[in-house]
Amino acid sequence: MLEGLPTKGDWAADEIRKAFEMISEIGDIPQTSEKWTYMSPAKTLEMKKFRANQIRNFVESTLIKGPIGLALEFRQMKRSNDFSKMKEFLKFNKIGKNRYKDVGCLDSNRVELSFGPCTYIHANYVSTPSNPKKFICTQAPLKGTCSEFWCMVVQEQAEIILMLCNFVEQVHIT
């Protein structure tokens, strides 16, 4: 079992409210495309309500499962890596640029650095229905990849960095 993690009974209503506030404050990563789409205010309001409902359902489901339930669900998931779609990941795996050798980084939506010591970082854009670059998901930097991490933060103008793992992860310090 995962010791020290709160159980589903430990979650307070105030924590749920804070989670919703944090999610609503997250902005979009700036787009490089010059194509803009217009949506009527009524449609925008409808989309916001739909998204809020999706987020509410996700948070409620997550809180019901709790950290232990989520960890068990994750461990039961079948993982498959199509390494033919991860050429850069494989190339940089050989020289120690990836924290985990079995967690791939797709070439199709990876973040490419435009400056710094290297153009590669193990990071992918995560899309939403309204934005192909809403979030960036990356591994915690290694001692040898900290400069690439901060180059990415500057390049992508990241305003929020959210760490979703512990500082010690299965006896590894991140």
C-alpha atoms as a PDB file:
ATOM      1  CA  MET A   1       0.000   0.000   0.000  1.00  0.00           C
ATOM      2  CA  LEU A   2       0.999   3.621  -0.345  1.00  0.00           C
ATOM      3  CA  GLU A   3       1.811   4.885   3.143  1.00  0.00           C
ATOM      4  CA  GLY A   4       1.360   8.503   4.163  1.00  0.00           C
ATOM      5  CA  LEU A   5      -1.170   9.341   1.427  1.00  0.00           C
ATOM      6  CA  PRO A   6      -4.570  10.679   2.449  1.00  0.00           C
ATOM      7  CA  THR A   7      -7.551   8.414   2.001  1.00  0.00           C
ATOM      8  CA  LYS A   8     -10.775   9.500   0.347  1.00  0.00           C
ATOM      9  CA  GLY A   9     -12.235  10.335   3.768  1.00  0.00           C
ATOM     10  CA  ASP A  10      -9.505  12.945   4.354  1.00  0.00           C
ATOM     11  CA  TRP A  11     -10.605  15.227   1.486  1.00  0.00           C
ATOM     12  CA  ALA A  12     -12.456  18.327   2.681  1.00  0.00           C
ATOM     13  CA  ALA A  13     -14.949  20.418   0.708  1.00  0.00           C
ATOM     14  CA  ASP A  14     -12.519  23.340   0.980  1.00  0.00           C
ATOM     15  CA  GLU A  15      -9.839  21.307  -0.830  1.00  0.00           C
ATOM     16  CA  ILE A  16     -12.291  20.526  -3.644  1.00  0.00           C
ATOM     17  CA  ARG A  17     -13.140  24.240  -3.984  1.00  0.00           C
ATOM     18  CA  LYS A  18      -9.423  25.126  -4.077  1.00  0.00           C
ATOM     19  CA  ALA A  19      -8.833  22.506  -6.788  1.00  0.00           C
ATOM     20  CA  PHE A  20     -11.613  24.000  -8.933  1.00  0.00           C
ATOM     21  CA  GLU A  21     -10.162  27.499  -8.430  1.00  0.00           C
ATOM     22  CA  MET A  22      -6.686  26.346  -9.457  1.00  0.00           C
ATOM     23  CA  ILE A  23      -8.016  24.627 -12.581  1.00  0.00           C
ATOM     24  CA  SER A  24     -10.017  27.686 -13.626  1.00  0.00           C
ATOM     25  CA  GLU A  25      -6.967  29.959 -13.248  1.00  0.00           C
ATOM     26  CA  ILE A  26      -4.792  27.937 -15.641  1.00  0.00           C
ATOM     27  CA  GLY A  27      -4.472  29.839 -18.908  1.00  0.00           C
ATOM     28  CA  ASP A  28      -3.655  28.677 -22.383  1.00  0.00           C
ATOM     29  CA  ILE A  29      -0.116  28.246 -23.648  1.00  0.00           C
ATOM     30  CA  PRO A  30       0.288  30.898 -26.362  1.00  0.00           C
ATOM     31  CA  GLN A  31      -0.469  29.609 -29.853  1.00  0.00           C
ATOM     32  CA  THR A  32       1.959  30.140 -32.704  1.00  0.00           C
ATOM     33  CA  SER A  33      -0.773  29.882 -35.332  1.00  0.00           C
ATOM     34  CA  GLU A  34      -2.198  33.067 -36.798  1.00  0.00           C
ATOM     35  CA  LYS A  35      -5.569  31.397 -37.397  1.00  0.00           C
ATOM     36  CA  TRP A  36      -8.145  32.530 -34.856  1.00  0.00           C
ATOM     37  CA  THR A  37     -11.587  31.077 -34.390  1.00  0.00           C
ATOM     38  CA  TYR A  38     -14.542  33.157 -33.257  1.00  0.00           C
ATOM     39  CA  MET A  39     -17.172  31.675 -31.007  1.00  0.00           C
ATOM     40  CA  SER A  40     -20.352  33.530 -30.046  1.00  0.00           C
ATOM     41  CA  PRO A  41     -20.686  34.526 -26.367  1.00  0.00           C
ATOM     42  CA  ALA A  42     -23.603  32.095 -25.965  1.00  0.00           C
ATOM     43  CA  LYS A  43     -21.545  29.232 -27.427  1.00  0.00           C
ATOM     44  CA  THR A  44     -18.562  30.234 -25.251  1.00  0.00           C
ATOM     45  CA  LEU A  45     -20.754  30.144 -22.126  1.00  0.00           C
ATOM     46  CA  GLU A  46     -22.159  26.766 -23.173  1.00  0.00           C
ATOM     47  CA  MET A  47     -18.605  25.407 -23.669  1.00  0.00           C
ATOM     48  CA  LYS A  48     -17.497  26.751 -20.272  1.00  0.00           C
ATOM     49  CA  LYS A  49     -20.466  25.078 -18.552  1.00  0.00           C
ATOM     50  CA  PHE A  50     -19.737  21.828 -20.390  1.00  0.00           C
ATOM     51  CA  ARG A  51     -16.052  21.946 -19.390  1.00  0.00           C
ATOM     52  CA  ALA A  52     -16.915  22.852 -15.790  1.00  0.00           C
ATOM     53  CA  ASN A  53     -19.242  19.839 -15.660  1.00  0.00           C
ATOM     54  CA  GLN A  54     -16.534  17.564 -17.106  1.00  0.00           C
ATOM     55  CA  ILE A  55     -14.012  18.844 -14.559  1.00  0.00           C
ATOM     56  CA  ARG A  56     -16.505  18.483 -11.702  1.00  0.00           C
ATOM     57  CA  ASN A  57     -17.257  14.869 -12.695  1.00  0.00           C
ATOM     58  CA  PHE A  58     -13.543  14.088 -13.015  1.00  0.00           C
ATOM     59  CA  VAL A  59     -12.690  15.636  -9.630  1.00  0.00           C
ATOM     60  CA  GLU A  60     -15.596  13.869  -7.912  1.00  0.00           C
ATOM     61  CA  SER A  61     -14.582  10.536  -9.445  1.00  0.00           C
ATOM     62  CA  THR A  62     -10.965  11.127  -8.470  1.00  0.00           C
ATOM     63  CA  LEU A  63     -11.856  12.017  -4.886  1.00  0.00           C
ATOM     64  CA  ILE A  64     -14.058   8.936  -4.556  1.00  0.00           C
ATOM     65  CA  LYS A  65     -11.186   6.707  -5.723  1.00  0.00           C
ATOM     66  CA  GLY A  66      -8.648   8.522  -3.561  1.00  0.00           C
ATOM     67  CA  PRO A  67      -4.870   8.325  -4.030  1.00  0.00           C
ATOM     68  CA  ILE A  68      -4.699   4.606  -3.313  1.00  0.00           C
ATOM     69  CA  GLY A  69      -7.492   3.810  -5.769  1.00  0.00           C
ATOM     70  CA  LEU A  70      -5.872   5.974  -8.444  1.00  0.00           C
ATOM     71  CA  ALA A  71      -2.496   4.310  -7.916  1.00  0.00           C
ATOM     72  CA  LEU A  72      -4.098   0.867  -8.212  1.00  0.00           C
ATOM     73  CA  GLU A  73      -5.985   1.903 -11.362  1.00  0.00           C
ATOM     74  CA  PHE A  74      -2.765   3.208 -12.902  1.00  0.00           C
ATOM     75  CA  ARG A  75      -0.880  -0.002 -12.126  1.00  0.00           C
ATOM     76  CA  GLN A  76      -3.640  -2.070 -13.758  1.00  0.00           C
ATOM     77  CA  MET A  77      -3.530  -0.103 -17.007  1.00  0.00           C
ATOM     78  CA  LYS A  78      -1.969  -1.861 -19.940  1.00  0.00           C
ATOM     79  CA  ARG A  79       0.926   0.213 -21.182  1.00  0.00           C
ATOM     80  CA  SER A  80       2.105  -0.015 -24.725  1.00  0.00           C
ATOM     81  CA  ASN A  81       4.803   1.993 -26.406  1.00  0.00           C
ATOM     82  CA  ASP A  82       5.023   2.286 -30.168  1.00  0.00           C
ATOM     83  CA  PHE A  83       8.681   3.241 -30.310  1.00  0.00           C
ATOM     84  CA  SER A  84       8.485   3.782 -34.081  1.00  0.00           C
ATOM     85  CA  LYS A  85       6.732   7.071 -33.174  1.00  0.00           C
ATOM     86  CA  MET A  86       9.446   8.046 -30.664  1.00  0.00           C
ATOM     87  CA  LYS A  87      12.672   8.356 -32.633  1.00  0.00           C
ATOM     88  CA  GLU A  88      13.980  11.356 -30.668  1.00  0.00           C
ATOM     89  CA  PHE A  89      13.154   9.641 -27.374  1.00  0.00           C
ATOM     90  CA  LEU A  90      15.172   6.575 -28.408  1.00  0.00           C
ATOM     91  CA  LYS A  91      18.081   8.688 -29.651  1.00  0.00           C
ATOM     92  CA  PHE A  92      18.313  10.682 -26.417  1.00  0.00           C
ATOM     93  CA  ASN A  93      17.632   7.642 -24.212  1.00  0.00           C
ATOM     94  CA  LYS A  94      21.119   6.416 -25.113  1.00  0.00           C
ATOM     95  CA  ILE A  95      22.743   9.535 -23.633  1.00  0.00           C
ATOM     96  CA  GLY A  96      20.695   9.758 -20.430  1.00  0.00           C
ATOM     97  CA  LYS A  97      18.236  12.555 -21.275  1.00  0.00           C
ATOM     98  CA  ASN A  98      15.157  10.624 -20.086  1.00  0.00           C
ATOM     99  CA  ARG A  99      14.333   9.958 -16.439  1.00  0.00           C
ATOM    100  CA  TYR A 100      12.522   6.715 -17.275  1.00  0.00           C
ATOM    101  CA  LYS A 101      13.596   4.476 -20.147  1.00  0.00           C
ATOM    102  CA  ASP A 102      10.136   2.911 -20.472  1.00  0.00           C
ATOM    103  CA  VAL A 103       8.015   6.098 -20.539  1.00  0.00           C
ATOM    104  CA  GLY A 104       8.076   7.293 -24.126  1.00  0.00           C
ATOM    105  CA  CYS A 105       7.836  10.762 -25.633  1.00  0.00           C
ATOM    106  CA  LEU A 106       5.931  10.979 -28.925  1.00  0.00           C
ATOM    107  CA  ASP A 107       7.635  12.855 -31.753  1.00  0.00           C
ATOM    108  CA  SER A 108       4.298  14.149 -33.076  1.00  0.00           C
ATOM    109  CA  ASN A 109       3.499  16.448 -30.152  1.00  0.00           C
ATOM    110  CA  ARG A 110       6.744  16.853 -28.273  1.00  0.00           C
ATOM    111  CA  VAL A 111       8.084  20.233 -27.217  1.00  0.00           C
ATOM    112  CA  GLU A 112      11.078  21.206 -29.344  1.00  0.00           C
ATOM    113  CA  LEU A 113      13.436  23.701 -27.764  1.00  0.00           C
ATOM    114  CA  SER A 114      14.450  26.603 -29.975  1.00  0.00           C
ATOM    115  CA  PHE A 115      17.424  27.623 -27.817  1.00  0.00           C
ATOM    116  CA  GLY A 116      19.643  26.184 -25.128  1.00  0.00           C
ATOM    117  CA  PRO A 117      22.156  23.349 -24.990  1.00  0.00           C
ATOM    118  CA  CYS A 118      19.866  20.850 -26.745  1.00  0.00           C
ATOM    119  CA  THR A 119      16.621  20.875 -28.762  1.00  0.00           C
ATOM    120  CA  TYR A 120      15.306  17.757 -26.972  1.00  0.00           C
ATOM    121  CA  ILE A 121      13.401  17.590 -23.721  1.00  0.00           C
ATOM    122  CA  HIS A 122      11.134  14.749 -22.608  1.00  0.00           C
ATOM    123  CA  ALA A 123       7.956  16.856 -22.789  1.00  0.00           C
ATOM    124  CA  ASN A 124       4.738  16.708 -24.774  1.00  0.00           C
ATOM    125  CA  TYR A 125       1.936  19.170 -25.409  1.00  0.00           C
ATOM    126  CA  VAL A 126      -1.387  17.918 -24.082  1.00  0.00           C
ATOM    127  CA  SER A 127      -4.423  19.075 -26.001  1.00  0.00           C
ATOM    128  CA  THR A 128      -7.989  19.888 -25.084  1.00  0.00           C
ATOM    129  CA  PRO A 129     -10.943  20.208 -27.460  1.00  0.00           C
ATOM    130  CA  SER A 130     -10.344  23.957 -27.738  1.00  0.00           C
ATOM    131  CA  ASN A 131      -6.552  24.152 -27.684  1.00  0.00           C
ATOM    132  CA  PRO A 132      -3.882  21.810 -29.093  1.00  0.00           C
ATOM    133  CA  LYS A 133      -1.297  23.172 -26.621  1.00  0.00           C
ATOM    134  CA  LYS A 134      -3.211  23.626 -23.363  1.00  0.00           C
ATOM    135  CA  PHE A 135      -0.684  21.927 -21.079  1.00  0.00           C
ATOM    136  CA  ILE A 136       2.819  20.515 -21.202  1.00  0.00           C
ATOM    137  CA  CYS A 137       3.458  17.200 -19.504  1.00  0.00           C
ATOM    138  CA  THR A 138       7.095  16.507 -18.689  1.00  0.00           C
ATOM    139  CA  GLN A 139       9.217  14.424 -16.376  1.00  0.00           C
ATOM    140  CA  ALA A 140      11.026  16.030 -13.467  1.00  0.00           C
ATOM    141  CA  PRO A 141      14.414  17.215 -14.725  1.00  0.00           C
ATOM    142  CA  LEU A 142      17.561  15.233 -14.055  1.00  0.00           C
ATOM    143  CA  LYS A 143      20.783  16.916 -12.925  1.00  0.00           C
ATOM    144  CA  GLY A 144      21.904  16.914 -16.558  1.00  0.00           C
ATOM    145  CA  THR A 145      18.620  18.238 -17.999  1.00  0.00           C
ATOM    146  CA  CYS A 146      17.801  21.158 -15.674  1.00  0.00           C
ATOM    147  CA  SER A 147      18.939  23.735 -18.223  1.00  0.00           C
ATOM    148  CA  GLU A 148      16.654  22.230 -20.883  1.00  0.00           C
ATOM    149  CA  PHE A 149      13.762  22.303 -18.406  1.00  0.00           C
ATOM    150  CA  TRP A 150      14.213  26.017 -17.669  1.00  0.00           C
ATOM    151  CA  CYS A 151      14.722  26.801 -21.374  1.00  0.00           C
ATOM    152  CA  MET A 152      11.336  25.152 -21.993  1.00  0.00           C
ATOM    153  CA  VAL A 153       9.687  27.155 -19.196  1.00  0.00           C
ATOM    154  CA  VAL A 154      11.022  30.406 -20.697  1.00  0.00           C
ATOM    155  CA  GLN A 155      10.324  29.454 -24.331  1.00  0.00           C
ATOM    156  CA  GLU A 156       6.737  28.363 -23.620  1.00  0.00           C
ATOM    157  CA  GLN A 157       6.125  31.268 -21.221  1.00  0.00           C
ATOM    158  CA  ALA A 158       4.874  28.856 -18.566  1.00  0.00           C
ATOM    159  CA  GLU A 159       3.182  30.692 -15.721  1.00  0.00           C
ATOM    160  CA  ILE A 160       2.385  27.648 -13.591  1.00  0.00           C
ATOM    161  CA  ILE A 161       4.494  24.576 -12.853  1.00  0.00           C
ATOM    162  CA  LEU A 162       2.505  21.823 -11.165  1.00  0.00           C
ATOM    163  CA  MET A 163       4.344  18.802  -9.797  1.00  0.00           C
ATOM    164  CA  LEU A 164       2.089  15.752  -9.662  1.00  0.00           C
ATOM    165  CA  CYS A 165       4.473  13.378  -7.926  1.00  0.00           C
ATOM    166  CA  ASN A 166       6.283  13.245  -4.630  1.00  0.00           C
ATOM    167  CA  PHE A 167       9.864  14.407  -4.228  1.00  0.00           C
ATOM    168  CA  VAL A 168      10.684  10.784  -3.463  1.00  0.00           C
ATOM    169  CA  GLU A 169       9.116   8.430  -5.984  1.00  0.00           C
ATOM    170  CA  GLN A 170       9.578   4.707  -5.278  1.00  0.00           C
ATOM    171  CA  VAL A 171      12.929   5.361  -3.532  1.00  0.00           C
ATOM    172  CA  HIS A 172      14.099   7.733  -6.299  1.00  0.00           C
ATOM    173  CA  ILE A 173      14.547  11.399  -5.346  1.00  0.00           C
ATOM    174  CA  THR A 174      13.147  13.687  -8.047  1.00  0.00           C
END
